[in-house]
């Protein structure tokens, strides 16, 4: 992680960083831990998550609540993410919206942060190497975690079924398989980190 933090801090301009991985891969915790490491190298960090840019419920479930294609295509409002965060940050805006929607309350909820000239935007979320977003990243991280491990974590955290192939997991598991087959995130990422052990992330590939 220190190596990654140094590499990100050395980028010579405002930098936009993605932390990608499957549900339960530890994206948010990883990014939260990485942020102060980058700041210790003199770069202010703005933390954000794609979860702040969900679509409304009626759009997310328009193909059905169990539909994997709907999970892959309809979960997030990527136009809003680009319009309110990625594009303004890239243009040097002094203020950016790091969230626009509360999916639990199913309503708009705007959160804004000040962006310093040398800031690093560190965004975590699933499916960040999809076609709509891949060109926005100055540096991207993919957390490689087997589904058996990630679903066991979510079961412990949320009380869900630890079996990825369980019927109640179909939407999310198969939706993420669509992402892998369509976008091949491990080929698009700057670095791949094995995060199977949360206490000891391991750098396994650098492109």
C-alpha atoms as a PDB file:
ATOM      1  CA  UNK A   1       0.000   0.000   0.000  1.00  0.00           C
ATOM      2  CA  UNK A   2       2.885   2.359   0.726  1.00  0.00           C
ATOM      3  CA  UNK A   3       4.284   1.684  -2.732  1.00  0.00           C
ATOM      4  CA  UNK A   4       0.912   2.480  -4.309  1.00  0.00           C
ATOM      5  CA  UNK A   5       0.568   5.627  -2.180  1.00  0.00           C
ATOM      6  CA  UNK A   6       3.982   6.862  -3.350  1.00  0.00           C
ATOM      7  CA  UNK A   7       3.144   6.202  -6.985  1.00  0.00           C
ATOM      8  CA  UNK A   8      -0.162   8.074  -6.714  1.00  0.00           C
ATOM      9  CA  UNK A   9       1.394  11.000  -4.851  1.00  0.00           C
ATOM     10  CA  UNK A  10       4.065  11.309  -7.547  1.00  0.00           C
ATOM     11  CA  UNK A  11       1.513  11.937 -10.308  1.00  0.00           C
ATOM     12  CA  UNK A  12       2.273  15.439 -11.489  1.00  0.00           C
ATOM     13  CA  UNK A  13      -1.206  16.951 -11.534  1.00  0.00           C
ATOM     14  CA  UNK A  14      -4.649  16.539 -10.078  1.00  0.00           C
ATOM     15  CA  UNK A  15      -5.132  12.792 -10.143  1.00  0.00           C
ATOM     16  CA  UNK A  16      -8.268  10.672 -10.299  1.00  0.00           C
ATOM     17  CA  UNK A  17      -7.875   7.208  -8.776  1.00  0.00           C
ATOM     18  CA  UNK A  18     -10.228   4.205  -8.892  1.00  0.00           C
ATOM     19  CA  UNK A  19     -10.391   1.399  -6.328  1.00  0.00           C
ATOM     20  CA  UNK A  20     -12.383  -1.373  -8.012  1.00  0.00           C
ATOM     21  CA  UNK A  21     -13.364  -4.878  -6.938  1.00  0.00           C
ATOM     22  CA  UNK A  22     -16.312  -7.174  -6.333  1.00  0.00           C
ATOM     23  CA  UNK A  23     -18.790  -6.719  -3.497  1.00  0.00           C
ATOM     24  CA  UNK A  24     -17.018  -7.645  -0.279  1.00  0.00           C
ATOM     25  CA  UNK A  25     -13.497  -7.213  -1.664  1.00  0.00           C
ATOM     26  CA  UNK A  26     -12.719  -4.486   0.886  1.00  0.00           C
ATOM     27  CA  UNK A  27     -12.743  -1.471  -1.461  1.00  0.00           C
ATOM     28  CA  UNK A  28     -13.965   1.148   1.008  1.00  0.00           C
ATOM     29  CA  UNK A  29     -11.677   0.034   3.825  1.00  0.00           C
ATOM     30  CA  UNK A  30      -8.726  -0.158   1.451  1.00  0.00           C
ATOM     31  CA  UNK A  31      -9.355   3.347   0.090  1.00  0.00           C
ATOM     32  CA  UNK A  32      -9.915   4.746   3.599  1.00  0.00           C
ATOM     33  CA  UNK A  33      -6.571   3.325   4.685  1.00  0.00           C
ATOM     34  CA  UNK A  34      -4.793   4.455   1.519  1.00  0.00           C
ATOM     35  CA  UNK A  35      -6.010   8.066   1.726  1.00  0.00           C
ATOM     36  CA  UNK A  36      -3.917   9.193   4.739  1.00  0.00           C
ATOM     37  CA  UNK A  37      -0.886   7.405   3.302  1.00  0.00           C
ATOM     38  CA  UNK A  38      -1.183   9.561   0.169  1.00  0.00           C
ATOM     39  CA  UNK A  39      -1.694  12.668   2.304  1.00  0.00           C
ATOM     40  CA  UNK A  40       1.528  11.967   4.184  1.00  0.00           C
ATOM     41  CA  UNK A  41       3.279  12.439   0.835  1.00  0.00           C
ATOM     42  CA  UNK A  42       1.856  15.938   0.580  1.00  0.00           C
ATOM     43  CA  UNK A  43      -1.233  15.422  -1.568  1.00  0.00           C
ATOM     44  CA  UNK A  44      -4.699  16.315  -0.215  1.00  0.00           C
ATOM     45  CA  UNK A  45      -7.241  13.555  -0.846  1.00  0.00           C
ATOM     46  CA  UNK A  46     -10.947  13.755  -1.627  1.00  0.00           C
ATOM     47  CA  UNK A  47     -12.707  10.474  -0.807  1.00  0.00           C
ATOM     48  CA  UNK A  48     -15.816   9.451  -2.696  1.00  0.00           C
ATOM     49  CA  UNK A  49     -17.734   6.305  -3.581  1.00  0.00           C
ATOM     50  CA  UNK A  50     -19.777   5.318  -6.597  1.00  0.00           C
ATOM     51  CA  UNK A  51     -22.472   4.431  -4.047  1.00  0.00           C
ATOM     52  CA  UNK A  52     -23.220   8.154  -3.854  1.00  0.00           C
ATOM     53  CA  UNK A  53     -24.379   8.018  -7.476  1.00  0.00           C
ATOM     54  CA  UNK A  54     -27.017   5.282  -7.511  1.00  0.00           C
ATOM     55  CA  UNK A  55     -30.000   5.452  -9.805  1.00  0.00           C
ATOM     56  CA  UNK A  56     -33.458   5.773  -8.213  1.00  0.00           C
ATOM     57  CA  UNK A  57     -35.089   2.489  -7.229  1.00  0.00           C
ATOM     58  CA  UNK A  58     -37.517   2.541 -10.160  1.00  0.00           C
ATOM     59  CA  UNK A  59     -34.579   2.559 -12.581  1.00  0.00           C
ATOM     60  CA  UNK A  60     -32.421   0.085 -10.651  1.00  0.00           C
ATOM     61  CA  UNK A  61     -35.158  -2.550 -10.631  1.00  0.00           C
ATOM     62  CA  UNK A  62     -36.918  -1.836 -13.925  1.00  0.00           C
ATOM     63  CA  UNK A  63     -35.742  -5.196 -15.329  1.00  0.00           C
ATOM     64  CA  UNK A  64     -36.768  -6.988 -12.131  1.00  0.00           C
ATOM     65  CA  UNK A  65     -35.220  -7.230  -8.669  1.00  0.00           C
ATOM     66  CA  UNK A  66     -33.439 -10.500  -9.480  1.00  0.00           C
ATOM     67  CA  UNK A  67     -32.102  -9.564 -12.906  1.00  0.00           C
ATOM     68  CA  UNK A  68     -28.264  -9.645 -13.245  1.00  0.00           C
ATOM     69  CA  UNK A  69     -28.314  -7.515 -16.391  1.00  0.00           C
ATOM     70  CA  UNK A  70     -30.209  -4.878 -14.442  1.00  0.00           C
ATOM     71  CA  UNK A  71     -27.573  -4.919 -11.719  1.00  0.00           C
ATOM     72  CA  UNK A  72     -24.790  -4.382 -14.252  1.00  0.00           C
ATOM     73  CA  UNK A  73     -26.530  -1.781 -16.423  1.00  0.00           C
ATOM     74  CA  UNK A  74     -28.979   0.070 -14.166  1.00  0.00           C
ATOM     75  CA  UNK A  75     -27.487   0.323 -10.681  1.00  0.00           C
ATOM     76  CA  UNK A  76     -25.605   3.606 -11.077  1.00  0.00           C
ATOM     77  CA  UNK A  77     -26.072   6.981 -12.729  1.00  0.00           C
ATOM     78  CA  UNK A  78     -22.760   7.291 -14.544  1.00  0.00           C
ATOM     79  CA  UNK A  79     -23.835  10.467 -16.325  1.00  0.00           C
ATOM     80  CA  UNK A  80     -24.318  12.122 -12.936  1.00  0.00           C
ATOM     81  CA  UNK A  81     -20.971  10.788 -11.697  1.00  0.00           C
ATOM     82  CA  UNK A  82     -19.188  12.297 -14.684  1.00  0.00           C
ATOM     83  CA  UNK A  83     -21.147  15.555 -14.742  1.00  0.00           C
ATOM     84  CA  UNK A  84     -20.934  16.387 -11.039  1.00  0.00           C
ATOM     85  CA  UNK A  85     -17.634  14.825  -9.951  1.00  0.00           C
ATOM     86  CA  UNK A  86     -15.220  13.396 -12.514  1.00  0.00           C
ATOM     87  CA  UNK A  87     -15.444  16.089 -15.187  1.00  0.00           C
ATOM     88  CA  UNK A  88     -15.429  19.122 -12.838  1.00  0.00           C
ATOM     89  CA  UNK A  89     -12.552  17.673 -10.850  1.00  0.00           C
ATOM     90  CA  UNK A  90     -10.595  17.034 -14.034  1.00  0.00           C
ATOM     91  CA  UNK A  91     -11.194  20.605 -15.216  1.00  0.00           C
ATOM     92  CA  UNK A  92      -9.814  22.014 -11.962  1.00  0.00           C
ATOM     93  CA  UNK A  93     -13.080  23.039 -10.262  1.00  0.00           C
ATOM     94  CA  UNK A  94     -12.698  24.361  -6.723  1.00  0.00           C
ATOM     95  CA  UNK A  95     -15.773  22.482  -5.481  1.00  0.00           C
ATOM     96  CA  UNK A  96     -17.139  19.083  -6.533  1.00  0.00           C
ATOM     97  CA  UNK A  97     -20.099  16.914  -5.559  1.00  0.00           C
ATOM     98  CA  UNK A  98     -18.916  13.659  -4.018  1.00  0.00           C
ATOM     99  CA  UNK A  99     -22.468  12.291  -3.751  1.00  0.00           C
ATOM    100  CA  UNK A 100     -25.807  13.053  -5.395  1.00  0.00           C
ATOM    101  CA  UNK A 101     -28.213  10.314  -4.316  1.00  0.00           C
ATOM    102  CA  UNK A 102     -29.101   8.329  -1.181  1.00  0.00           C
ATOM    103  CA  UNK A 103     -30.191   4.910  -2.439  1.00  0.00           C
ATOM    104  CA  UNK A 104     -31.465   3.800   0.971  1.00  0.00           C
ATOM    105  CA  UNK A 105     -33.833   6.757   1.259  1.00  0.00           C
ATOM    106  CA  UNK A 106     -34.344   6.744  -2.542  1.00  0.00           C
ATOM    107  CA  UNK A 107     -33.940  10.500  -2.851  1.00  0.00           C
ATOM    108  CA  UNK A 108     -31.471  13.130  -3.949  1.00  0.00           C
ATOM    109  CA  UNK A 109     -28.792  13.893  -1.349  1.00  0.00           C
ATOM    110  CA  UNK A 110     -25.967  16.188  -2.410  1.00  0.00           C
ATOM    111  CA  UNK A 111     -22.615  16.283  -0.629  1.00  0.00           C
ATOM    112  CA  UNK A 112     -19.944  18.760  -1.768  1.00  0.00           C
ATOM    113  CA  UNK A 113     -16.217  18.970  -1.063  1.00  0.00           C
ATOM    114  CA  UNK A 114     -13.543  21.607  -1.695  1.00  0.00           C
ATOM    115  CA  UNK A 115     -10.906  20.455  -4.184  1.00  0.00           C
ATOM    116  CA  UNK A 116      -7.391  21.819  -3.736  1.00  0.00           C
ATOM    117  CA  UNK A 117      -5.299  22.408  -6.894  1.00  0.00           C
ATOM    118  CA  UNK A 118      -3.065  19.408  -6.124  1.00  0.00           C
ATOM    119  CA  UNK A 119      -5.855  17.142  -4.851  1.00  0.00           C
ATOM    120  CA  UNK A 120      -6.178  13.422  -5.444  1.00  0.00           C
ATOM    121  CA  UNK A 121      -9.701  12.102  -5.985  1.00  0.00           C
ATOM    122  CA  UNK A 122      -9.890   8.583  -4.562  1.00  0.00           C
ATOM    123  CA  UNK A 123     -13.098   6.841  -5.648  1.00  0.00           C
ATOM    124  CA  UNK A 124     -14.091   3.331  -4.621  1.00  0.00           C
ATOM    125  CA  UNK A 125     -16.813   1.168  -6.099  1.00  0.00           C
ATOM    126  CA  UNK A 126     -17.752  -1.834  -8.168  1.00  0.00           C
ATOM    127  CA  UNK A 127     -17.393  -1.953 -11.956  1.00  0.00           C
ATOM    128  CA  UNK A 128     -15.173   1.117 -12.208  1.00  0.00           C
ATOM    129  CA  UNK A 129     -13.284  -0.237 -15.234  1.00  0.00           C
ATOM    130  CA  UNK A 130     -16.411  -0.358 -17.381  1.00  0.00           C
ATOM    131  CA  UNK A 131     -16.350   1.377 -20.763  1.00  0.00           C
ATOM    132  CA  UNK A 132     -18.149   4.507 -19.527  1.00  0.00           C
ATOM    133  CA  UNK A 133     -15.483   5.232 -16.894  1.00  0.00           C
ATOM    134  CA  UNK A 134     -12.166   3.656 -17.860  1.00  0.00           C
ATOM    135  CA  UNK A 135     -10.723   6.776 -19.526  1.00  0.00           C
ATOM    136  CA  UNK A 136     -11.222   8.909 -16.404  1.00  0.00           C
ATOM    137  CA  UNK A 137      -8.577   7.181 -14.287  1.00  0.00           C
ATOM    138  CA  UNK A 138      -5.021   8.432 -13.982  1.00  0.00           C
ATOM    139  CA  UNK A 139      -4.309   5.357 -11.865  1.00  0.00           C
ATOM    140  CA  UNK A 140      -6.554   2.428 -11.007  1.00  0.00           C
ATOM    141  CA  UNK A 141      -6.485  -0.430  -8.540  1.00  0.00           C
ATOM    142  CA  UNK A 142      -8.322  -3.723  -8.825  1.00  0.00           C
ATOM    143  CA  UNK A 143      -8.721  -5.726  -5.611  1.00  0.00           C
ATOM    144  CA  UNK A 144      -8.664  -9.393  -6.577  1.00  0.00           C
ATOM    145  CA  UNK A 145     -10.681 -11.485  -4.111  1.00  0.00           C
ATOM    146  CA  UNK A 146     -12.326 -14.857  -4.874  1.00  0.00           C
ATOM    147  CA  UNK A 147     -16.115 -14.839  -4.688  1.00  0.00           C
ATOM    148  CA  UNK A 148     -16.024 -17.525  -1.982  1.00  0.00           C
ATOM    149  CA  UNK A 149     -14.029 -15.125   0.217  1.00  0.00           C
ATOM    150  CA  UNK A 150     -16.007 -11.978  -0.598  1.00  0.00           C
ATOM    151  CA  UNK A 151     -19.383 -13.640  -0.018  1.00  0.00           C
ATOM    152  CA  UNK A 152     -18.188 -15.111   3.277  1.00  0.00           C
ATOM    153  CA  UNK A 153     -17.228 -11.575   4.360  1.00  0.00           C
ATOM    154  CA  UNK A 154     -20.604 -10.172   3.367  1.00  0.00           C
ATOM    155  CA  UNK A 155     -22.362 -12.994   5.184  1.00  0.00           C
ATOM    156  CA  UNK A 156     -20.491 -12.102   8.345  1.00  0.00           C
ATOM    157  CA  UNK A 157     -21.131  -8.395   7.854  1.00  0.00           C
ATOM    158  CA  UNK A 158     -24.725  -8.445   6.616  1.00  0.00           C
ATOM    159  CA  UNK A 159     -26.106 -11.845   7.575  1.00  0.00           C
ATOM    160  CA  UNK A 160     -26.498 -12.801   3.911  1.00  0.00           C
ATOM    161  CA  UNK A 161     -26.062 -16.244   2.343  1.00  0.00           C
ATOM    162  CA  UNK A 162     -22.328 -17.013   1.954  1.00  0.00           C
ATOM    163  CA  UNK A 163     -22.932 -19.163  -1.147  1.00  0.00           C
ATOM    164  CA  UNK A 164     -22.371 -17.030  -4.282  1.00  0.00           C
ATOM    165  CA  UNK A 165     -24.639 -19.328  -6.290  1.00  0.00           C
ATOM    166  CA  UNK A 166     -27.567 -19.101  -3.846  1.00  0.00           C
ATOM    167  CA  UNK A 167     -30.779 -17.897  -5.559  1.00  0.00           C
ATOM    168  CA  UNK A 168     -30.913 -14.738  -3.458  1.00  0.00           C
ATOM    169  CA  UNK A 169     -27.413 -13.816  -4.659  1.00  0.00           C
ATOM    170  CA  UNK A 170     -28.134 -14.343  -8.362  1.00  0.00           C
ATOM    171  CA  UNK A 171     -28.600 -10.651  -9.268  1.00  0.00           C
ATOM    172  CA  UNK A 172     -25.311  -9.549  -7.756  1.00  0.00           C
ATOM    173  CA  UNK A 173     -23.116 -12.574  -8.482  1.00  0.00           C
ATOM    174  CA  UNK A 174     -24.151 -13.010 -12.097  1.00  0.00           C
ATOM    175  CA  UNK A 175     -24.169  -9.244 -12.626  1.00  0.00           C
ATOM    176  CA  UNK A 176     -20.524  -9.110 -11.614  1.00  0.00           C
ATOM    177  CA  UNK A 177     -19.738 -12.029 -13.912  1.00  0.00           C
ATOM    178  CA  UNK A 178     -21.191  -9.944 -16.757  1.00  0.00           C
ATOM    179  CA  UNK A 179     -18.793  -7.152 -15.762  1.00  0.00           C
ATOM    180  CA  UNK A 180     -15.787  -9.482 -15.823  1.00  0.00           C
ATOM    181  CA  UNK A 181     -16.738 -10.922 -19.199  1.00  0.00           C
ATOM    182  CA  UNK A 182     -17.586  -7.546 -20.742  1.00  0.00           C
ATOM    183  CA  UNK A 183     -14.866  -5.290 -19.342  1.00  0.00           C
ATOM    184  CA  UNK A 184     -11.998  -7.541 -18.149  1.00  0.00           C
ATOM    185  CA  UNK A 185     -11.060  -5.174 -15.306  1.00  0.00           C
ATOM    186  CA  UNK A 186      -7.882  -7.012 -14.380  1.00  0.00           C
ATOM    187  CA  UNK A 187      -6.480  -6.176 -17.819  1.00  0.00           C
ATOM    188  CA  UNK A 188      -7.498  -2.513 -17.553  1.00  0.00           C
ATOM    189  CA  UNK A 189      -6.239  -1.765 -14.036  1.00  0.00           C
ATOM    190  CA  UNK A 190      -2.911  -0.069 -13.361  1.00  0.00           C
ATOM    191  CA  UNK A 191      -2.244  -2.467 -10.483  1.00  0.00           C
ATOM    192  CA  UNK A 192      -3.866  -5.632  -9.171  1.00  0.00           C
ATOM    193  CA  UNK A 193      -3.792  -6.286  -5.446  1.00  0.00           C
ATOM    194  CA  UNK A 194      -4.726  -9.578  -3.826  1.00  0.00           C
ATOM    195  CA  UNK A 195      -6.921  -8.453  -0.922  1.00  0.00           C
ATOM    196  CA  UNK A 196      -7.982 -11.915   0.219  1.00  0.00           C
ATOM    197  CA  UNK A 197      -6.301 -11.204   3.551  1.00  0.00           C
ATOM    198  CA  UNK A 198      -7.461  -7.772   4.726  1.00  0.00           C
ATOM    199  CA  UNK A 199      -4.502  -7.445   7.082  1.00  0.00           C
ATOM    200  CA  UNK A 200      -1.945  -8.120   4.344  1.00  0.00           C
ATOM    201  CA  UNK A 201      -2.873  -6.861   0.860  1.00  0.00           C
ATOM    202  CA  UNK A 202      -0.381  -8.159  -1.709  1.00  0.00           C
ATOM    203  CA  UNK A 203       0.654  -6.460  -4.935  1.00  0.00           C
ATOM    204  CA  UNK A 204       0.466  -9.140  -7.635  1.00  0.00           C
ATOM    205  CA  UNK A 205       0.623  -7.213 -10.885  1.00  0.00           C
ATOM    206  CA  UNK A 206       1.751  -3.838 -12.192  1.00  0.00           C
ATOM    207  CA  UNK A 207       0.909  -2.808 -15.771  1.00  0.00           C
END
